[in-house]
Amino acid sequence: MKFLWTKDLRLNTVHVVDVARALWAVAALDSEGGLRKGPVSAVEVYNLADENDTDQGSINQHLEAIFGIQTGFQGTIVSQFAKLNLASVTEDVNDEHLQPWSEICKAAGVTATPLTPYLDKELLRDNALSVDGSKIKTTFGFVYERPKMTTDSLREVIVEFEATGVWPKGATN
């Protein structure tokens, strides 16, 4: 499987457990188990970001380990062509992945799932998807339980998806 752009394209991630914990931490008062000392008085925004400086290269390493596939990058010429024809490339990528995903799910007895390989063209742009996630830590003292993406943490999420019936069992190594 080859990706556009380069291995250095930054893509922050956050474990779903930490997302749920962060939502509660900023929404609930400390007397309710949250980290907020007083009520919300104005609009507040808190970005969540792993502490890994995750990039496409490290994500590819996890994908290789989990799915037993080889990954790489298309290179400059193909990536620049894609940039100029992003709508068409996105359509091709979706055509290539949606039907096989549907067939894998059907074969595994997964009849309904919120998970999909569908991509919006904005997700294929060569924009780094990284943010500064320090505000929640400095404002509330929030500590991530899973601060770094690992192959094991990704497998943990997949196992939970399998257990709830939204991911086909046996689709990973």
N, C-alpha and C. Protein backbone atom coordinates (compact mmCIF):
# COMPACT_ATOMS: atom_id res chain seq x y z
N MET A 1 0.85 -1.16 0.00
CA MET A 1 0.00 0.00 0.00
C MET A 1 0.90 1.23 0.00
N LYS A 2 0.66 2.09 -0.98
CA LYS A 2 1.47 3.30 -1.08
C LYS A 2 0.63 4.53 -0.77
N PHE A 3 1.24 5.45 -0.04
CA PHE A 3 0.59 6.68 0.38
C PHE A 3 1.14 7.87 -0.39
N LEU A 4 0.36 8.91 -0.44
CA LEU A 4 0.82 10.16 -1.04
C LEU A 4 1.77 10.86 -0.07
N TRP A 5 2.50 11.81 -0.61
CA TRP A 5 3.38 12.72 0.11
C TRP A 5 4.60 11.99 0.66
N THR A 6 4.99 12.25 1.88
CA THR A 6 6.22 11.65 2.41
C THR A 6 5.99 11.09 3.80
N LYS A 7 6.98 10.35 4.27
CA LYS A 7 6.89 9.77 5.61
C LYS A 7 6.88 10.83 6.69
N ASP A 8 7.36 12.04 6.39
CA ASP A 8 7.49 13.10 7.39
C ASP A 8 6.22 13.92 7.61
N LEU A 9 5.15 13.66 6.86
CA LEU A 9 3.91 14.41 7.03
C LEU A 9 3.33 14.11 8.40
N ARG A 10 3.23 15.15 9.24
CA ARG A 10 2.80 14.97 10.63
C ARG A 10 1.29 14.77 10.72
N LEU A 11 0.88 13.81 11.54
CA LEU A 11 -0.53 13.48 11.75
C LEU A 11 -0.72 13.13 13.23
N ASN A 12 -1.11 14.11 14.03
CA ASN A 12 -1.33 13.80 15.44
C ASN A 12 -2.46 12.80 15.62
N THR A 13 -2.35 12.01 16.64
CA THR A 13 -3.36 11.03 16.99
C THR A 13 -3.64 11.15 18.49
N VAL A 14 -4.79 10.65 18.90
CA VAL A 14 -5.13 10.59 20.32
C VAL A 14 -5.93 9.31 20.52
N HIS A 15 -5.58 8.56 21.54
CA HIS A 15 -6.31 7.33 21.86
C HIS A 15 -7.72 7.68 22.30
N VAL A 16 -8.69 6.89 21.89
CA VAL A 16 -10.09 7.16 22.19
C VAL A 16 -10.34 7.25 23.70
N VAL A 17 -9.62 6.49 24.50
CA VAL A 17 -9.78 6.57 25.96
C VAL A 17 -9.40 7.97 26.45
N ASP A 18 -8.33 8.52 25.92
CA ASP A 18 -7.91 9.85 26.33
C ASP A 18 -8.86 10.94 25.81
N VAL A 19 -9.48 10.72 24.67
CA VAL A 19 -10.47 11.68 24.18
C VAL A 19 -11.64 11.74 25.16
N ALA A 20 -12.16 10.58 25.54
CA ALA A 20 -13.28 10.54 26.48
C ALA A 20 -12.90 11.15 27.82
N ARG A 21 -11.71 10.83 28.31
CA ARG A 21 -11.26 11.39 29.58
C ARG A 21 -11.12 12.90 29.50
N ALA A 22 -10.58 13.40 28.39
CA ALA A 22 -10.39 14.84 28.22
C ALA A 22 -11.73 15.57 28.16
N LEU A 23 -12.69 14.99 27.46
CA LEU A 23 -14.01 15.62 27.40
C LEU A 23 -14.60 15.77 28.80
N TRP A 24 -14.50 14.72 29.60
CA TRP A 24 -15.03 14.78 30.96
C TRP A 24 -14.21 15.76 31.81
N ALA A 25 -12.93 15.74 31.65
CA ALA A 25 -12.06 16.60 32.46
C ALA A 25 -12.38 18.07 32.28
N VAL A 26 -12.66 18.51 31.05
CA VAL A 26 -12.91 19.93 30.82
C VAL A 26 -14.38 20.30 31.01
N ALA A 27 -15.27 19.33 30.98
CA ALA A 27 -16.70 19.62 31.10
C ALA A 27 -17.20 19.55 32.54
N ALA A 28 -16.62 18.67 33.34
CA ALA A 28 -17.14 18.44 34.69
C ALA A 28 -16.32 19.18 35.74
N LEU A 29 -17.02 19.63 36.75
CA LEU A 29 -16.36 20.25 37.89
C LEU A 29 -15.56 19.22 38.66
N ASP A 30 -14.57 19.66 39.42
CA ASP A 30 -13.77 18.72 40.20
C ASP A 30 -14.64 17.93 41.18
N SER A 31 -15.71 18.52 41.68
CA SER A 31 -16.60 17.81 42.58
C SER A 31 -17.38 16.70 41.88
N GLU A 32 -17.39 16.74 40.54
CA GLU A 32 -18.07 15.73 39.74
C GLU A 32 -17.09 14.74 39.11
N GLY A 33 -15.84 14.82 39.49
CA GLY A 33 -14.82 13.94 38.94
C GLY A 33 -14.06 14.53 37.77
N GLY A 34 -14.35 15.78 37.44
CA GLY A 34 -13.63 16.46 36.36
C GLY A 34 -12.46 17.25 36.91
N LEU A 35 -11.89 18.09 36.09
CA LEU A 35 -10.74 18.90 36.50
C LEU A 35 -11.07 20.39 36.56
N ARG A 36 -12.30 20.76 36.25
CA ARG A 36 -12.69 22.17 36.21
C ARG A 36 -12.99 22.66 37.62
N LYS A 37 -12.43 23.83 37.97
CA LYS A 37 -12.62 24.41 39.31
C LYS A 37 -13.91 25.24 39.40
N GLY A 38 -14.35 25.79 38.29
CA GLY A 38 -15.56 26.60 38.28
C GLY A 38 -16.31 26.40 36.98
N PRO A 39 -17.49 26.99 36.87
CA PRO A 39 -18.29 26.80 35.65
C PRO A 39 -17.64 27.46 34.43
N VAL A 40 -18.02 27.00 33.26
CA VAL A 40 -17.55 27.58 32.01
C VAL A 40 -18.17 28.95 31.87
N SER A 41 -17.34 29.96 31.62
CA SER A 41 -17.85 31.32 31.49
C SER A 41 -17.70 31.89 30.08
N ALA A 42 -16.94 31.20 29.24
CA ALA A 42 -16.72 31.64 27.86
C ALA A 42 -16.36 30.42 27.01
N VAL A 43 -16.39 30.60 25.71
CA VAL A 43 -16.01 29.51 24.80
C VAL A 43 -14.55 29.15 25.03
N GLU A 44 -14.29 27.87 25.16
CA GLU A 44 -12.92 27.39 25.35
C GLU A 44 -12.64 26.30 24.33
N VAL A 45 -11.43 26.28 23.82
CA VAL A 45 -11.02 25.25 22.86
C VAL A 45 -9.76 24.58 23.38
N TYR A 46 -9.79 23.25 23.40
CA TYR A 46 -8.63 22.47 23.84
C TYR A 46 -8.33 21.44 22.77
N ASN A 47 -7.17 21.54 22.15
CA ASN A 47 -6.73 20.55 21.18
C ASN A 47 -6.16 19.36 21.93
N LEU A 48 -6.36 18.18 21.37
CA LEU A 48 -5.77 16.97 21.92
C LEU A 48 -4.76 16.45 20.91
N ALA A 49 -3.59 16.09 21.39
CA ALA A 49 -2.54 15.60 20.49
C ALA A 49 -1.63 14.65 21.23
N ASP A 50 -1.23 13.60 20.56
CA ASP A 50 -0.30 12.66 21.16
C ASP A 50 1.04 13.32 21.45
N GLU A 51 1.86 12.64 22.18
CA GLU A 51 3.18 13.18 22.52
C GLU A 51 4.27 12.52 21.68
N ASN A 52 3.87 11.94 20.57
CA ASN A 52 4.77 11.18 19.70
C ASN A 52 5.35 11.99 18.56
N ASP A 53 4.75 13.13 18.22
CA ASP A 53 5.03 13.77 16.94
C ASP A 53 4.83 12.75 15.82
N THR A 54 3.69 12.09 15.85
CA THR A 54 3.36 11.04 14.89
C THR A 54 3.40 11.58 13.47
N ASP A 55 3.90 10.77 12.56
CA ASP A 55 3.92 11.13 11.15
C ASP A 55 3.50 9.92 10.32
N GLN A 56 3.36 10.12 9.02
CA GLN A 56 2.92 9.02 8.15
C GLN A 56 3.87 7.82 8.22
N GLY A 57 5.14 8.08 8.38
CA GLY A 57 6.10 6.98 8.44
C GLY A 57 5.86 6.08 9.63
N SER A 58 5.63 6.66 10.81
CA SER A 58 5.40 5.84 12.00
C SER A 58 4.05 5.14 11.93
N ILE A 59 3.05 5.80 11.37
CA ILE A 59 1.75 5.14 11.21
C ILE A 59 1.89 3.95 10.27
N ASN A 60 2.65 4.12 9.20
CA ASN A 60 2.86 3.01 8.27
C ASN A 60 3.52 1.81 8.96
N GLN A 61 4.45 2.06 9.85
CA GLN A 61 5.09 0.95 10.58
C GLN A 61 4.05 0.17 11.38
N HIS A 62 3.11 0.87 12.00
CA HIS A 62 2.06 0.18 12.76
C HIS A 62 1.14 -0.61 11.82
N LEU A 63 0.79 -0.01 10.68
CA LEU A 63 -0.07 -0.70 9.71
C LEU A 63 0.60 -1.97 9.19
N GLU A 64 1.89 -1.89 8.93
CA GLU A 64 2.62 -3.06 8.46
C GLU A 64 2.58 -4.18 9.50
N ALA A 65 2.78 -3.84 10.76
CA ALA A 65 2.78 -4.85 11.82
C ALA A 65 1.39 -5.45 12.03
N ILE A 66 0.36 -4.62 11.98
CA ILE A 66 -1.00 -5.09 12.27
C ILE A 66 -1.60 -5.88 11.12
N PHE A 67 -1.40 -5.42 9.89
CA PHE A 67 -2.05 -6.04 8.75
C PHE A 67 -1.13 -6.91 7.90
N GLY A 68 0.17 -6.95 8.23
CA GLY A 68 1.09 -7.77 7.47
C GLY A 68 1.24 -7.33 6.03
N ILE A 69 1.26 -6.02 5.83
CA ILE A 69 1.38 -5.47 4.47
C ILE A 69 2.65 -4.64 4.37
N GLN A 70 3.06 -4.39 3.14
CA GLN A 70 4.17 -3.47 2.88
C GLN A 70 3.58 -2.11 2.56
N THR A 71 4.17 -1.07 3.10
CA THR A 71 3.72 0.28 2.80
C THR A 71 4.88 1.08 2.23
N GLY A 72 4.54 2.18 1.64
CA GLY A 72 5.56 3.07 1.09
C GLY A 72 4.90 4.36 0.65
N PHE A 73 5.60 5.11 -0.19
CA PHE A 73 5.10 6.40 -0.63
C PHE A 73 5.22 6.51 -2.14
N GLN A 74 4.26 7.20 -2.75
CA GLN A 74 4.18 7.28 -4.20
C GLN A 74 5.33 8.06 -4.82
N GLY A 75 5.87 8.99 -4.12
CA GLY A 75 6.94 9.81 -4.69
C GLY A 75 6.41 11.16 -5.14
N THR A 76 7.33 12.01 -5.51
CA THR A 76 7.01 13.41 -5.81
C THR A 76 6.11 13.56 -7.04
N ILE A 77 6.41 12.86 -8.12
CA ILE A 77 5.65 13.05 -9.36
C ILE A 77 4.20 12.63 -9.18
N VAL A 78 3.97 11.45 -8.63
CA VAL A 78 2.60 10.97 -8.43
C VAL A 78 1.87 11.85 -7.41
N SER A 79 2.56 12.25 -6.36
CA SER A 79 1.94 13.11 -5.35
C SER A 79 1.54 14.47 -5.93
N GLN A 80 2.38 15.03 -6.78
CA GLN A 80 2.05 16.32 -7.40
C GLN A 80 0.89 16.16 -8.38
N PHE A 81 0.85 15.05 -9.12
CA PHE A 81 -0.29 14.78 -10.00
C PHE A 81 -1.56 14.69 -9.17
N ALA A 82 -1.49 13.99 -8.05
CA ALA A 82 -2.65 13.84 -7.17
C ALA A 82 -3.13 15.19 -6.66
N LYS A 83 -2.19 16.04 -6.34
CA LYS A 83 -2.52 17.38 -5.83
C LYS A 83 -3.34 18.16 -6.86
N LEU A 84 -2.99 17.99 -8.14
CA LEU A 84 -3.69 18.70 -9.20
C LEU A 84 -5.03 18.06 -9.56
N ASN A 85 -5.22 16.80 -9.19
CA ASN A 85 -6.43 16.05 -9.55
C ASN A 85 -7.02 15.37 -8.31
N LEU A 86 -7.09 16.09 -7.22
CA LEU A 86 -7.44 15.50 -5.93
C LEU A 86 -8.82 14.85 -5.93
N ALA A 87 -9.80 15.45 -6.55
CA ALA A 87 -11.15 14.88 -6.58
C ALA A 87 -11.15 13.52 -7.28
N SER A 88 -10.47 13.45 -8.41
CA SER A 88 -10.41 12.20 -9.17
C SER A 88 -9.63 11.13 -8.41
N VAL A 89 -8.51 11.51 -7.82
CA VAL A 89 -7.70 10.56 -7.06
C VAL A 89 -8.47 10.04 -5.85
N THR A 90 -9.18 10.93 -5.16
CA THR A 90 -9.98 10.52 -4.01
C THR A 90 -11.05 9.52 -4.43
N GLU A 91 -11.69 9.79 -5.55
CA GLU A 91 -12.71 8.87 -6.06
C GLU A 91 -12.11 7.50 -6.36
N ASP A 92 -10.94 7.49 -6.99
CA ASP A 92 -10.26 6.22 -7.30
C ASP A 92 -9.90 5.45 -6.03
N VAL A 93 -9.37 6.16 -5.03
CA VAL A 93 -9.00 5.53 -3.77
C VAL A 93 -10.24 4.93 -3.10
N ASN A 94 -11.32 5.68 -3.07
CA ASN A 94 -12.55 5.17 -2.46
C ASN A 94 -13.10 3.98 -3.23
N ASP A 95 -13.07 4.04 -4.56
CA ASP A 95 -13.53 2.91 -5.37
C ASP A 95 -12.71 1.66 -5.07
N GLU A 96 -11.42 1.84 -4.85
CA GLU A 96 -10.52 0.72 -4.60
C GLU A 96 -10.74 0.07 -3.23
N HIS A 97 -11.19 0.86 -2.24
CA HIS A 97 -11.27 0.35 -0.88
C HIS A 97 -12.67 0.06 -0.35
N LEU A 98 -13.68 0.77 -0.82
CA LEU A 98 -15.02 0.60 -0.26
C LEU A 98 -15.61 -0.78 -0.51
N GLN A 99 -15.52 -1.28 -1.73
CA GLN A 99 -16.10 -2.59 -2.04
C GLN A 99 -15.39 -3.72 -1.29
N PRO A 100 -14.07 -3.78 -1.30
CA PRO A 100 -13.41 -4.85 -0.53
C PRO A 100 -13.74 -4.79 0.96
N TRP A 101 -13.81 -3.58 1.55
CA TRP A 101 -14.18 -3.45 2.97
C TRP A 101 -15.57 -4.02 3.21
N SER A 102 -16.50 -3.70 2.32
CA SER A 102 -17.86 -4.21 2.42
C SER A 102 -17.88 -5.74 2.36
N GLU A 103 -17.10 -6.30 1.45
CA GLU A 103 -17.04 -7.76 1.29
C GLU A 103 -16.40 -8.43 2.51
N ILE A 104 -15.34 -7.83 3.06
CA ILE A 104 -14.69 -8.37 4.27
C ILE A 104 -15.68 -8.35 5.43
N CYS A 105 -16.39 -7.24 5.58
CA CYS A 105 -17.37 -7.14 6.67
C CYS A 105 -18.48 -8.17 6.50
N LYS A 106 -18.99 -8.29 5.30
CA LYS A 106 -20.07 -9.24 5.04
C LYS A 106 -19.62 -10.67 5.33
N ALA A 107 -18.44 -11.03 4.86
CA ALA A 107 -17.91 -12.38 5.09
C ALA A 107 -17.72 -12.68 6.57
N ALA A 108 -17.44 -11.64 7.36
CA ALA A 108 -17.21 -11.82 8.80
C ALA A 108 -18.49 -11.66 9.61
N GLY A 109 -19.61 -11.42 8.93
CA GLY A 109 -20.88 -11.26 9.64
C GLY A 109 -21.10 -9.89 10.25
N VAL A 110 -20.31 -8.90 9.83
CA VAL A 110 -20.51 -7.53 10.30
C VAL A 110 -21.55 -6.90 9.39
N THR A 111 -22.75 -6.68 9.95
CA THR A 111 -23.85 -6.19 9.12
C THR A 111 -24.02 -4.68 9.19
N ALA A 112 -23.54 -4.07 10.25
CA ALA A 112 -23.62 -2.61 10.37
C ALA A 112 -22.40 -2.11 11.14
N THR A 113 -21.73 -1.11 10.59
CA THR A 113 -20.55 -0.56 11.24
C THR A 113 -20.42 0.93 10.94
N PRO A 114 -20.04 1.71 11.93
CA PRO A 114 -19.78 3.13 11.66
C PRO A 114 -18.40 3.35 11.04
N LEU A 115 -17.61 2.30 10.97
CA LEU A 115 -16.25 2.41 10.45
C LEU A 115 -16.27 2.26 8.94
N THR A 116 -15.47 3.06 8.26
CA THR A 116 -15.43 3.03 6.81
C THR A 116 -14.06 3.46 6.31
N PRO A 117 -13.63 2.92 5.19
CA PRO A 117 -12.38 3.40 4.59
C PRO A 117 -12.59 4.63 3.70
N TYR A 118 -13.82 5.13 3.64
CA TYR A 118 -14.12 6.31 2.81
C TYR A 118 -13.28 7.50 3.26
N LEU A 119 -12.72 8.21 2.29
CA LEU A 119 -11.92 9.40 2.57
C LEU A 119 -12.50 10.61 1.86
N ASP A 120 -12.59 11.71 2.57
CA ASP A 120 -12.89 12.99 1.94
C ASP A 120 -11.60 13.50 1.31
N LYS A 121 -11.73 14.26 0.23
CA LYS A 121 -10.52 14.71 -0.45
C LYS A 121 -9.65 15.58 0.45
N GLU A 122 -10.25 16.26 1.42
CA GLU A 122 -9.46 17.10 2.33
C GLU A 122 -8.47 16.27 3.14
N LEU A 123 -8.81 15.02 3.39
CA LEU A 123 -7.91 14.15 4.16
C LEU A 123 -6.72 13.67 3.34
N LEU A 124 -6.79 13.81 2.02
CA LEU A 124 -5.67 13.40 1.17
C LEU A 124 -4.73 14.56 0.83
N ARG A 125 -5.10 15.75 1.20
CA ARG A 125 -4.22 16.90 0.93
C ARG A 125 -2.89 16.72 1.66
N ASP A 126 -1.90 17.44 1.19
CA ASP A 126 -0.57 17.33 1.81
C ASP A 126 -0.42 18.32 2.97
N ASN A 127 -1.46 18.44 3.76
CA ASN A 127 -1.41 19.31 4.93
C ASN A 127 -1.14 18.47 6.17
N ALA A 128 -0.21 18.93 6.95
CA ALA A 128 0.04 18.25 8.22
C ALA A 128 -1.19 18.42 9.10
N LEU A 129 -1.59 17.36 9.74
CA LEU A 129 -2.73 17.39 10.66
C LEU A 129 -2.18 17.31 12.08
N SER A 130 -1.52 18.37 12.46
CA SER A 130 -0.91 18.37 13.79
C SER A 130 -1.28 19.66 14.50
N VAL A 131 -1.48 19.54 15.78
CA VAL A 131 -1.89 20.68 16.60
C VAL A 131 -1.06 20.70 17.88
N ASP A 132 -1.13 21.81 18.56
CA ASP A 132 -0.49 21.94 19.86
C ASP A 132 -1.51 21.52 20.92
N GLY A 133 -1.25 20.42 21.57
CA GLY A 133 -2.17 19.89 22.57
C GLY A 133 -1.76 20.19 24.00
N SER A 134 -0.96 21.20 24.20
CA SER A 134 -0.45 21.47 25.55
C SER A 134 -1.41 22.24 26.44
N LYS A 135 -2.37 22.97 25.88
CA LYS A 135 -3.24 23.82 26.70
C LYS A 135 -4.02 23.03 27.74
N ILE A 136 -4.54 21.88 27.38
CA ILE A 136 -5.31 21.08 28.34
C ILE A 136 -4.43 20.59 29.49
N LYS A 137 -3.16 20.37 29.17
CA LYS A 137 -2.23 19.93 30.22
C LYS A 137 -1.87 21.08 31.15
N THR A 138 -1.61 22.26 30.58
CA THR A 138 -1.20 23.38 31.43
C THR A 138 -2.39 24.00 32.18
N THR A 139 -3.56 24.00 31.57
CA THR A 139 -4.74 24.60 32.21
C THR A 139 -5.31 23.70 33.30
N PHE A 140 -5.39 22.39 33.01
CA PHE A 140 -6.07 21.47 33.93
C PHE A 140 -5.16 20.43 34.56
N GLY A 141 -3.92 20.36 34.12
CA GLY A 141 -3.05 19.30 34.62
C GLY A 141 -3.43 17.94 34.06
N PHE A 142 -4.10 17.94 32.91
CA PHE A 142 -4.53 16.68 32.29
C PHE A 142 -3.32 15.85 31.90
N VAL A 143 -3.38 14.56 32.18
CA VAL A 143 -2.30 13.64 31.84
C VAL A 143 -2.89 12.53 30.96
N TYR A 144 -2.29 12.34 29.81
CA TYR A 144 -2.75 11.28 28.92
C TYR A 144 -2.38 9.92 29.50
N GLU A 145 -3.33 8.99 29.48
CA GLU A 145 -3.04 7.62 29.91
C GLU A 145 -2.27 6.87 28.83
N ARG A 146 -2.54 7.24 27.58
CA ARG A 146 -1.88 6.61 26.44
C ARG A 146 -1.28 7.71 25.56
N PRO A 147 -0.15 8.27 25.99
CA PRO A 147 0.39 9.46 25.32
C PRO A 147 1.05 9.19 23.97
N LYS A 148 1.30 7.94 23.64
CA LYS A 148 1.99 7.62 22.39
C LYS A 148 1.26 6.51 21.66
N MET A 149 1.13 6.68 20.35
CA MET A 149 0.55 5.62 19.53
C MET A 149 1.54 4.46 19.46
N THR A 150 1.03 3.28 19.73
CA THR A 150 1.85 2.08 19.60
C THR A 150 1.06 1.03 18.83
N THR A 151 1.75 0.04 18.32
CA THR A 151 1.06 -1.05 17.64
C THR A 151 0.11 -1.74 18.61
N ASP A 152 0.54 -1.93 19.85
CA ASP A 152 -0.32 -2.58 20.84
C ASP A 152 -1.57 -1.77 21.14
N SER A 153 -1.44 -0.43 21.23
CA SER A 153 -2.63 0.38 21.51
C SER A 153 -3.61 0.34 20.34
N LEU A 154 -3.10 0.28 19.12
CA LEU A 154 -3.98 0.15 17.96
C LEU A 154 -4.67 -1.21 17.96
N ARG A 155 -3.92 -2.25 18.28
CA ARG A 155 -4.52 -3.59 18.36
C ARG A 155 -5.62 -3.63 19.43
N GLU A 156 -5.39 -2.95 20.54
CA GLU A 156 -6.38 -2.88 21.61
C GLU A 156 -7.71 -2.31 21.11
N VAL A 157 -7.63 -1.25 20.32
CA VAL A 157 -8.84 -0.64 19.77
C VAL A 157 -9.51 -1.61 18.80
N ILE A 158 -8.74 -2.27 17.97
CA ILE A 158 -9.30 -3.23 17.01
C ILE A 158 -10.00 -4.37 17.75
N VAL A 159 -9.39 -4.89 18.80
CA VAL A 159 -10.01 -5.96 19.60
C VAL A 159 -11.35 -5.49 20.17
N GLU A 160 -11.40 -4.25 20.65
CA GLU A 160 -12.67 -3.71 21.17
C GLU A 160 -13.69 -3.58 20.05
N PHE A 161 -13.26 -3.14 18.87
CA PHE A 161 -14.17 -3.06 17.73
C PHE A 161 -14.69 -4.44 17.35
N GLU A 162 -13.80 -5.44 17.36
CA GLU A 162 -14.23 -6.81 17.07
C GLU A 162 -15.26 -7.29 18.09
N ALA A 163 -15.01 -7.00 19.35
CA ALA A 163 -15.91 -7.44 20.42
C ALA A 163 -17.30 -6.81 20.31
N THR A 164 -17.36 -5.58 19.80
CA THR A 164 -18.66 -4.92 19.65
C THR A 164 -19.30 -5.22 18.29
N GLY A 165 -18.60 -5.96 17.44
CA GLY A 165 -19.17 -6.38 16.17
C GLY A 165 -19.12 -5.36 15.06
N VAL A 166 -18.24 -4.36 15.17
CA VAL A 166 -18.14 -3.35 14.11
C VAL A 166 -16.87 -3.50 13.29
N TRP A 167 -16.04 -4.48 13.61
CA TRP A 167 -14.80 -4.76 12.87
C TRP A 167 -14.78 -6.26 12.59
N PRO A 168 -14.42 -6.65 11.37
CA PRO A 168 -14.40 -8.08 11.04
C PRO A 168 -13.27 -8.84 11.77
N LYS A 169 -13.65 -9.90 12.48
CA LYS A 169 -12.66 -10.70 13.17
C LYS A 169 -11.74 -11.38 12.16
N GLY A 170 -10.45 -11.45 12.52
CA GLY A 170 -9.48 -12.12 11.67
C GLY A 170 -8.95 -11.26 10.53
N ALA A 171 -9.23 -9.96 10.55
CA ALA A 171 -8.77 -9.08 9.47
C ALA A 171 -7.36 -8.56 9.71
N THR A 172 -6.78 -8.89 10.86
CA THR A 172 -5.43 -8.41 11.19
C THR A 172 -4.53 -9.58 11.51
N ASN A 173 -3.23 -9.29 11.58
CA ASN A 173 -2.25 -10.33 11.96
C ASN A 173 -2.29 -10.56 13.44
